[in-house]
Amino acid sequence: MDQFESRVDLQSVKSFADAIKKQIATIVVGQEQMVELMIVAVLSKGHILIEGVPGIAKTLTAKLLSKSIDTEFSRIQFTPDLMPSDVLGTSIYNPKDSSFSYRKGPIFSNIVLIDEVNRAPAKTQAALFEVMEERQVSFDGEKYQLGFPFFIVATQNPIDQEGTYRLPEAQLDRFFVKIEPTYPTKEQENSILANVQKGINHTKVDGITPVVSTKELETAQTTIQNIIIEEKLLDFITTIVQTTRNHPSITLGASPRASLALLNGSKALAGIRGRDFVTPEDIIDLTPAVLRHRIIISPEKEMEGISATEVVKEIVARIEIPR
C-alpha cells in the first residue's frame, strides 16, 4: 500500500474533503452518502441535483456546502412565474446617454443554489443550458464568462408532487450527479430531536464560516486528475454506459457525458477514500448517481414501478467486474 501512496500526494484532497464533512456534520445529522457525492461533484467540477421529499435537509446541506468554501454564493428560488431574465440578467436603459447596459443576474456567482429547480417553466430551464455547459452567458451578441469556481447545486421535489415540471433531458444531462437522500434512521432522528432539545438550531447557518479557500479547491481538483485508472476500468465504464443504450428496459440511454462523469468522479471518489488509483468498487458505487437521471425507463417498466436506479444496478450486476 505504501508504494501506491507515494505516487500522488493526496493530502490536498483529504484535507478538503475532511474539512467539508466536518463542517456539515456540525449541523446535519446523517446523510453521509449525500455529502460524499456532493464533494465528488465539486472536485470533478460538476453540477449537483438533489431530489427528495421535503424536510430531509436538501437545501440545508447545499447551503452548508456553499458556505464552507470561501467564495461568492447566491440563491435563486425557482417559481412558476420566474423569467429567464430573473436568472441571467437584463438590459437597463440609461436615459443620460440613451444607451442600454447589461445588469448581471444572480447566476453570476461562484456557487449558485437553485431551490426547487423543477418549479420553473421550460423557458427558464432553457436559460441554464449554456451557463451549465460552457460557464458563460450570451446576451445581445456579447459573451460574459463566469469566474472560478462555478457550479450549481439544485434541489427538487419528486416529479409527482403538485406544481412541478419535468426537467428537459438536455438539462438533466448537464448535472454531474443526481443525489437521492433518504429519510433519517430512527437513531438519527432521535439525535435531531436531542439537538433541538439542547437548543441547537439546525436551520441556522448564518454563523458558518468558510473552512477551505478557492486555492485549496483548485489544488484538490488538479490533484485528482493525476489519480491512476487502468485501461480495463476505462473499458468497464464504457461497457456500462453502452449497455444503457441497448437495454430493453430503457428508451433513452446515457450520453458520453455519463462516461466522462464516471471517469472523473471515480478518480475523485478514490482520492477521498485515500487511494491514488481507481478500483471497480469506486465506479460501481458512483454509477447510480451518475446514470439515474440520464436514462429514460420504458413506459412498461415505469408502470411496473421499476426505477431508473434499479435498472442501473441490474445492468452493473450483469457486467463482469474487472480484476
C-alpha atoms as a PDB file:
ATOM      1  CA  MET A   1       0.000   0.000   0.000  1.00  0.00           C
ATOM      2  CA  ASP A   2       2.861   2.390   0.820  1.00  0.00           C
ATOM      3  CA  GLN A   3       4.252   2.169  -2.681  1.00  0.00           C
ATOM      4  CA  PHE A   4       0.911   3.292  -4.114  1.00  0.00           C
ATOM      5  CA  GLU A   5       0.517   6.232  -1.747  1.00  0.00           C
ATOM      6  CA  SER A   6       3.891   7.636  -2.776  1.00  0.00           C
ATOM      7  CA  ARG A   7       2.840   8.170  -6.385  1.00  0.00           C
ATOM      8  CA  VAL A   8       0.360  11.030  -5.824  1.00  0.00           C
ATOM      9  CA  ASP A   9       0.236  13.341  -2.807  1.00  0.00           C
ATOM     10  CA  LEU A  10      -3.421  13.184  -1.755  1.00  0.00           C
ATOM     11  CA  GLN A  11      -3.120  15.481   1.255  1.00  0.00           C
ATOM     12  CA  SER A  12      -4.909  18.365  -0.505  1.00  0.00           C
ATOM     13  CA  VAL A  13      -7.848  16.128  -1.420  1.00  0.00           C
ATOM     14  CA  LYS A  14      -8.090  14.598   2.044  1.00  0.00           C
ATOM     15  CA  SER A  15      -7.872  17.975   3.785  1.00  0.00           C
ATOM     16  CA  PHE A  16     -10.554  19.461   1.531  1.00  0.00           C
ATOM     17  CA  ALA A  17     -12.973  16.542   1.939  1.00  0.00           C
ATOM     18  CA  ASP A  18     -12.452  16.200   5.694  1.00  0.00           C
ATOM     19  CA  ALA A  19     -12.980  19.923   6.305  1.00  0.00           C
ATOM     20  CA  ILE A  20     -16.256  19.956   4.349  1.00  0.00           C
ATOM     21  CA  LYS A  21     -17.547  16.777   6.010  1.00  0.00           C
ATOM     22  CA  LYS A  22     -16.710  18.058   9.495  1.00  0.00           C
ATOM     23  CA  GLN A  23     -18.378  21.414   8.827  1.00  0.00           C
ATOM     24  CA  ILE A  24     -21.622  19.886   7.546  1.00  0.00           C
ATOM     25  CA  ALA A  25     -21.705  17.300  10.352  1.00  0.00           C
ATOM     26  CA  THR A  26     -21.902  20.100  12.927  1.00  0.00           C
ATOM     27  CA  ILE A  27     -25.485  20.761  11.838  1.00  0.00           C
ATOM     28  CA  VAL A  28     -26.726  17.912   9.605  1.00  0.00           C
ATOM     29  CA  VAL A  29     -27.238  14.517  11.235  1.00  0.00           C
ATOM     30  CA  GLY A  30     -26.531  11.582   8.908  1.00  0.00           C
ATOM     31  CA  GLN A  31     -26.725  11.921   5.092  1.00  0.00           C
ATOM     32  CA  GLU A  32     -23.053  10.889   4.782  1.00  0.00           C
ATOM     33  CA  GLN A  33     -23.559   9.465   1.293  1.00  0.00           C
ATOM     34  CA  MET A  34     -25.156  12.697   0.055  1.00  0.00           C
ATOM     35  CA  VAL A  35     -22.260  14.748   1.425  1.00  0.00           C
ATOM     36  CA  GLU A  36     -19.661  12.429  -0.118  1.00  0.00           C
ATOM     37  CA  LEU A  37     -21.330  12.604  -3.547  1.00  0.00           C
ATOM     38  CA  MET A  38     -21.505  16.406  -3.326  1.00  0.00           C
ATOM     39  CA  ILE A  39     -17.774  16.586  -2.590  1.00  0.00           C
ATOM     40  CA  VAL A  40     -17.081  14.233  -5.515  1.00  0.00           C
ATOM     41  CA  ALA A  41     -19.043  16.518  -7.839  1.00  0.00           C
ATOM     42  CA  VAL A  42     -17.279  19.664  -6.605  1.00  0.00           C
ATOM     43  CA  LEU A  43     -13.848  18.075  -7.076  1.00  0.00           C
ATOM     44  CA  SER A  44     -14.927  16.975 -10.559  1.00  0.00           C
ATOM     45  CA  LYS A  45     -16.152  20.491 -11.465  1.00  0.00           C
ATOM     46  CA  GLY A  46     -19.708  19.220 -11.887  1.00  0.00           C
ATOM     47  CA  HIS A  47     -23.199  20.440 -11.065  1.00  0.00           C
ATOM     48  CA  ILE A  48     -25.327  18.741  -8.419  1.00  0.00           C
ATOM     49  CA  LEU A  49     -29.013  17.798  -8.460  1.00  0.00           C
ATOM     50  CA  ILE A  50     -30.602  16.698  -5.187  1.00  0.00           C
ATOM     51  CA  GLU A  51     -34.067  15.147  -5.295  1.00  0.00           C
ATOM     52  CA  GLY A  52     -36.073  14.095  -2.279  1.00  0.00           C
ATOM     53  CA  VAL A  53     -39.184  14.698  -0.269  1.00  0.00           C
ATOM     54  CA  PRO A  54     -39.418  17.924   1.753  1.00  0.00           C
ATOM     55  CA  GLY A  55     -37.767  18.135   5.143  1.00  0.00           C
ATOM     56  CA  ILE A  56     -34.709  15.886   4.745  1.00  0.00           C
ATOM     57  CA  ALA A  57     -32.059  18.647   4.733  1.00  0.00           C
ATOM     58  CA  LYS A  58     -31.571  19.002   0.965  1.00  0.00           C
ATOM     59  CA  THR A  59     -31.407  22.805   0.955  1.00  0.00           C
ATOM     60  CA  LEU A  60     -29.705  22.966   4.349  1.00  0.00           C
ATOM     61  CA  THR A  61     -26.857  20.685   3.212  1.00  0.00           C
ATOM     62  CA  ALA A  62     -26.474  22.619  -0.049  1.00  0.00           C
ATOM     63  CA  LYS A  63     -26.230  25.913   1.882  1.00  0.00           C
ATOM     64  CA  LEU A  64     -23.669  24.443   4.263  1.00  0.00           C
ATOM     65  CA  LEU A  65     -21.532  23.219   1.349  1.00  0.00           C
ATOM     66  CA  SER A  66     -21.704  26.656  -0.238  1.00  0.00           C
ATOM     67  CA  LYS A  67     -20.784  28.485   2.965  1.00  0.00           C
ATOM     68  CA  SER A  68     -17.883  26.114   3.656  1.00  0.00           C
ATOM     69  CA  ILE A  69     -15.939  27.369   0.618  1.00  0.00           C
ATOM     70  CA  ASP A  70     -14.541  30.900   0.768  1.00  0.00           C
ATOM     71  CA  THR A  71     -16.185  32.289  -2.348  1.00  0.00           C
ATOM     72  CA  GLU A  72     -19.314  34.096  -3.558  1.00  0.00           C
ATOM     73  CA  PHE A  73     -22.700  32.464  -3.088  1.00  0.00           C
ATOM     74  CA  SER A  74     -26.175  33.246  -4.380  1.00  0.00           C
ATOM     75  CA  ARG A  75     -29.546  31.572  -4.029  1.00  0.00           C
ATOM     76  CA  ILE A  76     -32.397  31.543  -6.544  1.00  0.00           C
ATOM     77  CA  GLN A  77     -35.849  30.308  -5.583  1.00  0.00           C
ATOM     78  CA  PHE A  78     -37.464  28.882  -8.721  1.00  0.00           C
ATOM     79  CA  THR A  79     -41.182  29.603  -9.091  1.00  0.00           C
ATOM     80  CA  PRO A  80     -43.726  29.124 -11.919  1.00  0.00           C
ATOM     81  CA  ASP A  81     -43.577  32.842 -12.820  1.00  0.00           C
ATOM     82  CA  LEU A  82     -39.755  33.100 -12.889  1.00  0.00           C
ATOM     83  CA  MET A  83     -38.437  34.556 -16.170  1.00  0.00           C
ATOM     84  CA  PRO A  84     -35.048  33.864 -17.831  1.00  0.00           C
ATOM     85  CA  SER A  85     -34.043  37.484 -17.181  1.00  0.00           C
ATOM     86  CA  ASP A  86     -34.570  36.892 -13.447  1.00  0.00           C
ATOM     87  CA  VAL A  87     -31.730  34.352 -13.656  1.00  0.00           C
ATOM     88  CA  LEU A  88     -29.364  35.625 -16.346  1.00  0.00           C
ATOM     89  CA  GLY A  89     -29.884  39.374 -16.057  1.00  0.00           C
ATOM     90  CA  THR A  90     -31.379  42.036 -18.309  1.00  0.00           C
ATOM     91  CA  SER A  91     -30.704  45.282 -20.190  1.00  0.00           C
ATOM     92  CA  ILE A  92     -31.110  48.521 -18.244  1.00  0.00           C
ATOM     93  CA  TYR A  93     -31.819  51.765 -20.101  1.00  0.00           C
ATOM     94  CA  ASN A  94     -29.643  54.732 -19.190  1.00  0.00           C
ATOM     95  CA  PRO A  95     -31.541  57.956 -20.080  1.00  0.00           C
ATOM     96  CA  LYS A  96     -28.426  60.127 -19.698  1.00  0.00           C
ATOM     97  CA  ASP A  97     -26.772  58.797 -22.819  1.00  0.00           C
ATOM     98  CA  SER A  98     -29.734  56.885 -24.298  1.00  0.00           C
ATOM     99  CA  SER A  99     -27.917  53.574 -24.055  1.00  0.00           C
ATOM    100  CA  PHE A 100     -28.545  50.133 -22.634  1.00  0.00           C
ATOM    101  CA  SER A 101     -26.245  48.352 -20.216  1.00  0.00           C
ATOM    102  CA  TYR A 102     -26.287  44.740 -19.100  1.00  0.00           C
ATOM    103  CA  ARG A 103     -27.131  44.117 -15.470  1.00  0.00           C
ATOM    104  CA  LYS A 104     -25.963  40.668 -14.475  1.00  0.00           C
ATOM    105  CA  GLY A 105     -28.386  38.316 -12.764  1.00  0.00           C
ATOM    106  CA  PRO A 106     -27.883  36.104  -9.707  1.00  0.00           C
ATOM    107  CA  ILE A 107     -26.399  33.314 -11.829  1.00  0.00           C
ATOM    108  CA  PHE A 108     -23.177  35.378 -11.839  1.00  0.00           C
ATOM    109  CA  SER A 109     -21.753  33.926  -8.679  1.00  0.00           C
ATOM    110  CA  ASN A 110     -19.377  31.103  -7.813  1.00  0.00           C
ATOM    111  CA  ILE A 111     -21.773  28.752  -6.087  1.00  0.00           C
ATOM    112  CA  VAL A 112     -25.440  29.042  -7.045  1.00  0.00           C
ATOM    113  CA  LEU A 113     -28.118  27.281  -5.023  1.00  0.00           C
ATOM    114  CA  ILE A 114     -31.280  26.803  -7.062  1.00  0.00           C
ATOM    115  CA  ASP A 115     -34.077  25.780  -4.743  1.00  0.00           C
ATOM    116  CA  GLU A 116     -36.925  23.686  -6.187  1.00  0.00           C
ATOM    117  CA  VAL A 117     -35.485  23.823  -9.691  1.00  0.00           C
ATOM    118  CA  ASN A 118     -38.410  21.856 -11.147  1.00  0.00           C
ATOM    119  CA  ARG A 119     -40.967  24.547 -10.251  1.00  0.00           C
ATOM    120  CA  ALA A 120     -39.951  26.890 -13.093  1.00  0.00           C
ATOM    121  CA  PRO A 121     -41.274  26.506 -16.662  1.00  0.00           C
ATOM    122  CA  ALA A 122     -39.289  25.220 -19.646  1.00  0.00           C
ATOM    123  CA  LYS A 123     -38.170  28.628 -20.950  1.00  0.00           C
ATOM    124  CA  THR A 124     -36.477  29.399 -17.640  1.00  0.00           C
ATOM    125  CA  GLN A 125     -34.895  25.941 -17.520  1.00  0.00           C
ATOM    126  CA  ALA A 126     -33.535  26.521 -21.031  1.00  0.00           C
ATOM    127  CA  ALA A 127     -31.787  29.664 -19.802  1.00  0.00           C
ATOM    128  CA  LEU A 128     -29.467  27.413 -17.785  1.00  0.00           C
ATOM    129  CA  PHE A 129     -28.254  25.281 -20.718  1.00  0.00           C
ATOM    130  CA  GLU A 130     -25.364  27.464 -21.850  1.00  0.00           C
ATOM    131  CA  VAL A 131     -24.260  28.557 -18.398  1.00  0.00           C
ATOM    132  CA  MET A 132     -24.134  24.979 -17.094  1.00  0.00           C
ATOM    133  CA  GLU A 133     -22.122  23.615 -20.001  1.00  0.00           C
ATOM    134  CA  GLU A 134     -19.869  26.497 -21.045  1.00  0.00           C
ATOM    135  CA  ARG A 135     -19.730  28.606 -17.873  1.00  0.00           C
ATOM    136  CA  GLN A 136     -20.759  31.692 -19.852  1.00  0.00           C
ATOM    137  CA  VAL A 137     -23.830  33.770 -20.710  1.00  0.00           C
ATOM    138  CA  SER A 138     -24.524  35.151 -24.189  1.00  0.00           C
ATOM    139  CA  PHE A 139     -26.540  38.380 -24.187  1.00  0.00           C
ATOM    140  CA  ASP A 140     -27.071  40.847 -27.048  1.00  0.00           C
ATOM    141  CA  GLY A 141     -24.191  39.362 -29.008  1.00  0.00           C
ATOM    142  CA  GLU A 142     -21.743  39.564 -26.106  1.00  0.00           C
ATOM    143  CA  LYS A 143     -20.336  36.679 -24.089  1.00  0.00           C
ATOM    144  CA  TYR A 144     -19.861  37.035 -20.355  1.00  0.00           C
ATOM    145  CA  GLN A 145     -17.628  34.470 -18.655  1.00  0.00           C
ATOM    146  CA  LEU A 146     -18.297  33.226 -15.143  1.00  0.00           C
ATOM    147  CA  GLY A 147     -15.492  33.085 -12.611  1.00  0.00           C
ATOM    148  CA  PHE A 148     -13.836  30.195 -10.807  1.00  0.00           C
ATOM    149  CA  PRO A 149     -15.231  28.168  -9.260  1.00  0.00           C
ATOM    150  CA  PHE A 150     -18.705  27.884 -10.736  1.00  0.00           C
ATOM    151  CA  PHE A 151     -21.162  25.139 -10.003  1.00  0.00           C
ATOM    152  CA  ILE A 152     -24.880  24.833  -9.430  1.00  0.00           C
ATOM    153  CA  VAL A 153     -26.457  22.957  -6.542  1.00  0.00           C
ATOM    154  CA  ALA A 154     -30.120  22.400  -7.424  1.00  0.00           C
ATOM    155  CA  THR A 155     -32.805  20.823  -5.259  1.00  0.00           C
ATOM    156  CA  GLN A 156     -36.124  19.457  -6.383  1.00  0.00           C
ATOM    157  CA  ASN A 157     -39.103  17.572  -5.048  1.00  0.00           C
ATOM    158  CA  PRO A 158     -40.156  14.328  -6.747  1.00  0.00           C
ATOM    159  CA  ILE A 159     -41.931  14.774 -10.076  1.00  0.00           C
ATOM    160  CA  ASP A 160     -45.272  13.513  -8.754  1.00  0.00           C
ATOM    161  CA  GLN A 161     -45.522  16.435  -6.311  1.00  0.00           C
ATOM    162  CA  GLU A 162     -48.071  19.117  -7.204  1.00  0.00           C
ATOM    163  CA  GLY A 163     -46.857  22.165  -9.138  1.00  0.00           C
ATOM    164  CA  THR A 164     -43.679  20.717 -10.592  1.00  0.00           C
ATOM    165  CA  TYR A 165     -42.349  20.340 -14.142  1.00  0.00           C
ATOM    166  CA  ARG A 166     -40.238  17.541 -15.599  1.00  0.00           C
ATOM    167  CA  LEU A 167     -36.762  18.892 -16.377  1.00  0.00           C
ATOM    168  CA  PRO A 168     -35.654  18.638 -20.034  1.00  0.00           C
ATOM    169  CA  GLU A 169     -33.352  15.694 -20.805  1.00  0.00           C
ATOM    170  CA  ALA A 170     -30.668  18.050 -22.148  1.00  0.00           C
ATOM    171  CA  GLN A 171     -30.613  19.900 -18.839  1.00  0.00           C
ATOM    172  CA  LEU A 172     -30.579  16.747 -16.726  1.00  0.00           C
ATOM    173  CA  ASP A 173     -27.587  15.515 -18.726  1.00  0.00           C
ATOM    174  CA  ARG A 174     -25.648  18.583 -17.602  1.00  0.00           C
ATOM    175  CA  PHE A 175     -25.927  17.626 -13.945  1.00  0.00           C
ATOM    176  CA  PHE A 176     -22.904  15.604 -12.862  1.00  0.00           C
ATOM    177  CA  VAL A 177     -24.828  13.584 -10.278  1.00  0.00           C
ATOM    178  CA  LYS A 178     -28.383  13.205  -9.085  1.00  0.00           C
ATOM    179  CA  ILE A 179     -28.445  12.530  -5.350  1.00  0.00           C
ATOM    180  CA  GLU A 180     -31.491  10.962  -3.717  1.00  0.00           C
ATOM    181  CA  PRO A 181     -31.211  11.387   0.066  1.00  0.00           C
ATOM    182  CA  THR A 182     -33.400   9.203   2.240  1.00  0.00           C
ATOM    183  CA  TYR A 183     -35.260   9.654   5.495  1.00  0.00           C
ATOM    184  CA  PRO A 184     -33.050   9.525   8.608  1.00  0.00           C
ATOM    185  CA  THR A 185     -32.882   6.332  10.628  1.00  0.00           C
ATOM    186  CA  LYS A 186     -34.637   6.173  13.986  1.00  0.00           C
ATOM    187  CA  GLU A 187     -31.324   6.762  15.786  1.00  0.00           C
ATOM    188  CA  GLN A 188     -30.511   9.745  13.575  1.00  0.00           C
ATOM    189  CA  GLU A 189     -33.950  11.256  14.070  1.00  0.00           C
ATOM    190  CA  ASN A 190     -33.539  10.810  17.820  1.00  0.00           C
ATOM    191  CA  SER A 191     -30.255  12.747  17.547  1.00  0.00           C
ATOM    192  CA  ILE A 192     -32.009  15.550  15.649  1.00  0.00           C
ATOM    193  CA  LEU A 193     -34.644  15.852  18.385  1.00  0.00           C
ATOM    194  CA  ALA A 194     -31.987  15.727  21.100  1.00  0.00           C
ATOM    195  CA  ASN A 195     -30.040  18.556  19.437  1.00  0.00           C
ATOM    196  CA  VAL A 196     -33.156  20.714  19.208  1.00  0.00           C
ATOM    197  CA  GLN A 197     -33.924  19.977  22.853  1.00  0.00           C
ATOM    198  CA  LYS A 198     -30.411  21.204  23.721  1.00  0.00           C
ATOM    199  CA  GLY A 199     -31.106  24.456  21.905  1.00  0.00           C
ATOM    200  CA  ILE A 200     -29.110  23.679  18.749  1.00  0.00           C
ATOM    201  CA  ASN A 201     -30.816  25.385  15.821  1.00  0.00           C
ATOM    202  CA  HIS A 202     -30.191  23.022  12.905  1.00  0.00           C
ATOM    203  CA  THR A 203     -31.582  25.510  10.365  1.00  0.00           C
ATOM    204  CA  LYS A 204     -29.388  28.478  11.302  1.00  0.00           C
ATOM    205  CA  VAL A 205     -26.301  28.709   9.074  1.00  0.00           C
ATOM    206  CA  ASP A 206     -25.523  32.444   9.351  1.00  0.00           C
ATOM    207  CA  GLY A 207     -22.674  31.792  11.774  1.00  0.00           C
ATOM    208  CA  ILE A 208     -20.988  29.237   9.500  1.00  0.00           C
ATOM    209  CA  THR A 209     -17.581  30.422   8.281  1.00  0.00           C
ATOM    210  CA  PRO A 210     -15.565  29.075   5.314  1.00  0.00           C
ATOM    211  CA  VAL A 211     -13.187  26.216   6.080  1.00  0.00           C
ATOM    212  CA  VAL A 212     -11.484  25.913   2.667  1.00  0.00           C
ATOM    213  CA  SER A 213     -10.262  28.500   0.156  1.00  0.00           C
ATOM    214  CA  THR A 214     -10.712  28.546  -3.604  1.00  0.00           C
ATOM    215  CA  LYS A 215      -6.970  27.930  -3.910  1.00  0.00           C
ATOM    216  CA  GLU A 216      -7.310  24.757  -1.830  1.00  0.00           C
ATOM    217  CA  LEU A 217     -10.236  23.691  -4.005  1.00  0.00           C
ATOM    218  CA  GLU A 218      -8.237  24.287  -7.189  1.00  0.00           C
ATOM    219  CA  THR A 219      -5.274  22.322  -5.813  1.00  0.00           C
ATOM    220  CA  ALA A 220      -7.519  19.387  -4.876  1.00  0.00           C
ATOM    221  CA  GLN A 221      -9.177  19.433  -8.314  1.00  0.00           C
ATOM    222  CA  THR A 222      -5.777  19.348 -10.002  1.00  0.00           C
ATOM    223  CA  THR A 223      -4.592  16.509  -7.773  1.00  0.00           C
ATOM    224  CA  ILE A 224      -7.421  14.116  -8.639  1.00  0.00           C
ATOM    225  CA  GLN A 225      -6.615  14.440 -12.330  1.00  0.00           C
ATOM    226  CA  ASN A 226      -3.372  12.576 -11.577  1.00  0.00           C
ATOM    227  CA  ILE A 227      -5.116   9.626  -9.935  1.00  0.00           C
ATOM    228  CA  ILE A 228      -4.447   6.427 -11.853  1.00  0.00           C
ATOM    229  CA  ILE A 229      -7.133   4.431 -13.655  1.00  0.00           C
ATOM    230  CA  GLU A 230      -6.261   1.299 -15.617  1.00  0.00           C
ATOM    231  CA  GLU A 231      -7.338   0.606 -19.200  1.00  0.00           C
ATOM    232  CA  LYS A 232      -9.582  -2.282 -18.140  1.00  0.00           C
ATOM    233  CA  LEU A 233     -11.514   0.092 -15.866  1.00  0.00           C
ATOM    234  CA  LEU A 234     -11.966   2.558 -18.713  1.00  0.00           C
ATOM    235  CA  ASP A 235     -13.478  -0.322 -20.696  1.00  0.00           C
ATOM    236  CA  PHE A 236     -15.667  -1.166 -17.678  1.00  0.00           C
ATOM    237  CA  ILE A 237     -17.042   2.387 -17.706  1.00  0.00           C
ATOM    238  CA  THR A 238     -17.782   2.403 -21.441  1.00  0.00           C
ATOM    239  CA  THR A 239     -19.405  -1.043 -21.236  1.00  0.00           C
ATOM    240  CA  ILE A 240     -21.792   0.176 -18.534  1.00  0.00           C
ATOM    241  CA  VAL A 241     -22.759   3.292 -20.481  1.00  0.00           C
ATOM    242  CA  GLN A 242     -23.032   1.463 -23.814  1.00  0.00           C
ATOM    243  CA  THR A 243     -25.333  -1.134 -22.231  1.00  0.00           C
ATOM    244  CA  THR A 244     -27.831   1.578 -21.279  1.00  0.00           C
ATOM    245  CA  ARG A 245     -28.234   2.369 -24.979  1.00  0.00           C
ATOM    246  CA  ASN A 246     -29.256  -1.188 -25.897  1.00  0.00           C
ATOM    247  CA  HIS A 247     -31.233  -2.255 -22.855  1.00  0.00           C
ATOM    248  CA  PRO A 248     -34.866  -3.416 -23.307  1.00  0.00           C
ATOM    249  CA  SER A 249     -35.998  -1.515 -20.196  1.00  0.00           C
ATOM    250  CA  ILE A 250     -34.526   1.806 -21.372  1.00  0.00           C
ATOM    251  CA  THR A 251     -35.878   4.052 -24.133  1.00  0.00           C
ATOM    252  CA  LEU A 252     -33.097   6.649 -23.893  1.00  0.00           C
ATOM    253  CA  GLY A 253     -29.580   5.634 -22.894  1.00  0.00           C
ATOM    254  CA  ALA A 254     -26.827   7.676 -21.301  1.00  0.00           C
ATOM    255  CA  SER A 255     -24.684  10.090 -23.333  1.00  0.00           C
ATOM    256  CA  PRO A 256     -20.864  10.311 -23.463  1.00  0.00           C
ATOM    257  CA  ARG A 257     -21.154  12.919 -20.686  1.00  0.00           C
ATOM    258  CA  ALA A 258     -22.018   9.989 -18.418  1.00  0.00           C
ATOM    259  CA  SER A 259     -18.786   8.195 -19.343  1.00  0.00           C
ATOM    260  CA  LEU A 260     -16.748  11.313 -18.590  1.00  0.00           C
ATOM    261  CA  ALA A 261     -18.586  11.808 -15.301  1.00  0.00           C
ATOM    262  CA  LEU A 262     -17.859   8.222 -14.253  1.00  0.00           C
ATOM    263  CA  LEU A 263     -14.198   8.661 -15.184  1.00  0.00           C
ATOM    264  CA  ASN A 264     -13.686  11.931 -13.311  1.00  0.00           C
ATOM    265  CA  GLY A 265     -15.992  11.039 -10.440  1.00  0.00           C
ATOM    266  CA  SER A 266     -14.388   7.674  -9.745  1.00  0.00           C
ATOM    267  CA  LYS A 267     -10.985   9.354  -9.558  1.00  0.00           C
ATOM    268  CA  ALA A 268     -12.353  11.918  -7.088  1.00  0.00           C
ATOM    269  CA  LEU A 269     -14.000   9.184  -5.022  1.00  0.00           C
ATOM    270  CA  ALA A 270     -10.760   7.196  -4.933  1.00  0.00           C
ATOM    271  CA  GLY A 271      -8.898  10.300  -3.754  1.00  0.00           C
ATOM    272  CA  ILE A 272     -11.428  10.968  -0.984  1.00  0.00           C
ATOM    273  CA  ARG A 273     -11.030   7.356   0.122  1.00  0.00           C
ATOM    274  CA  GLY A 274      -7.255   7.794   0.350  1.00  0.00           C
ATOM    275  CA  ARG A 275      -6.152   5.976  -2.796  1.00  0.00           C
ATOM    276  CA  ASP A 276      -4.287   7.274  -5.836  1.00  0.00           C
ATOM    277  CA  PHE A 277      -5.798   4.561  -8.031  1.00  0.00           C
ATOM    278  CA  VAL A 278      -9.381   3.733  -9.017  1.00  0.00           C
ATOM    279  CA  THR A 279     -10.948   0.380  -8.135  1.00  0.00           C
ATOM    280  CA  PRO A 280     -14.055  -1.227  -9.683  1.00  0.00           C
ATOM    281  CA  GLU A 281     -15.904  -0.522  -6.410  1.00  0.00           C
ATOM    282  CA  ASP A 282     -15.388   3.238  -6.892  1.00  0.00           C
ATOM    283  CA  ILE A 283     -17.101   3.038 -10.285  1.00  0.00           C
ATOM    284  CA  ILE A 284     -19.878   0.743  -9.043  1.00  0.00           C
ATOM    285  CA  ASP A 285     -20.642   2.970  -6.043  1.00  0.00           C
ATOM    286  CA  LEU A 286     -20.829   6.070  -8.234  1.00  0.00           C
ATOM    287  CA  THR A 287     -22.793   4.620 -11.172  1.00  0.00           C
ATOM    288  CA  PRO A 288     -26.373   5.044  -9.838  1.00  0.00           C
ATOM    289  CA  ALA A 289     -25.869   8.752  -9.020  1.00  0.00           C
ATOM    290  CA  VAL A 290     -24.282   9.425 -12.423  1.00  0.00           C
ATOM    291  CA  LEU A 291     -26.729   7.467 -14.594  1.00  0.00           C
ATOM    292  CA  ARG A 292     -30.153   7.542 -12.902  1.00  0.00           C
ATOM    293  CA  HIS A 293     -31.107  10.963 -14.314  1.00  0.00           C
ATOM    294  CA  ARG A 294     -29.549  10.380 -17.736  1.00  0.00           C
ATOM    295  CA  ILE A 295     -31.725   7.448 -18.810  1.00  0.00           C
ATOM    296  CA  ILE A 296     -35.439   7.153 -19.505  1.00  0.00           C
ATOM    297  CA  ILE A 297     -37.193   3.968 -18.422  1.00  0.00           C
ATOM    298  CA  SER A 298     -39.649   2.349 -20.841  1.00  0.00           C
ATOM    299  CA  PRO A 299     -43.344   3.026 -20.088  1.00  0.00           C
ATOM    300  CA  GLU A 300     -43.909  -0.660 -19.343  1.00  0.00           C
ATOM    301  CA  LYS A 301     -41.226  -0.778 -16.660  1.00  0.00           C
ATOM    302  CA  GLU A 302     -42.385   2.550 -15.278  1.00  0.00           C
ATOM    303  CA  MET A 303     -45.904   1.183 -14.868  1.00  0.00           C
ATOM    304  CA  GLU A 304     -44.431  -1.783 -13.009  1.00  0.00           C
ATOM    305  CA  GLY A 305     -42.844   0.632 -10.563  1.00  0.00           C
ATOM    306  CA  ILE A 306     -39.273  -0.103 -11.666  1.00  0.00           C
ATOM    307  CA  SER A 307     -36.982   2.882 -11.013  1.00  0.00           C
ATOM    308  CA  ALA A 308     -34.006   4.077 -13.025  1.00  0.00           C
ATOM    309  CA  THR A 309     -31.734   3.291 -10.082  1.00  0.00           C
ATOM    310  CA  GLU A 310     -32.914  -0.327 -10.034  1.00  0.00           C
ATOM    311  CA  VAL A 311     -32.268  -0.717 -13.764  1.00  0.00           C
ATOM    312  CA  VAL A 312     -28.785   0.796 -13.441  1.00  0.00           C
ATOM    313  CA  LYS A 313     -27.893  -1.561 -10.590  1.00  0.00           C
ATOM    314  CA  GLU A 314     -29.188  -4.531 -12.608  1.00  0.00           C
ATOM    315  CA  ILE A 315     -27.004  -3.509 -15.561  1.00  0.00           C
ATOM    316  CA  VAL A 316     -23.892  -3.243 -13.411  1.00  0.00           C
ATOM    317  CA  ALA A 317     -24.614  -6.587 -11.739  1.00  0.00           C
ATOM    318  CA  ARG A 318     -24.651  -8.343 -15.125  1.00  0.00           C
ATOM    319  CA  ILE A 319     -21.287  -6.954 -16.283  1.00  0.00           C
ATOM    320  CA  GLU A 320     -18.165  -8.836 -15.320  1.00  0.00           C
ATOM    321  CA  ILE A 321     -16.120  -6.841 -12.828  1.00  0.00           C
ATOM    322  CA  PRO A 322     -12.507  -6.427 -13.978  1.00  0.00           C
ATOM    323  CA  ARG A 323      -9.839  -7.596 -11.541  1.00  0.00           C
END
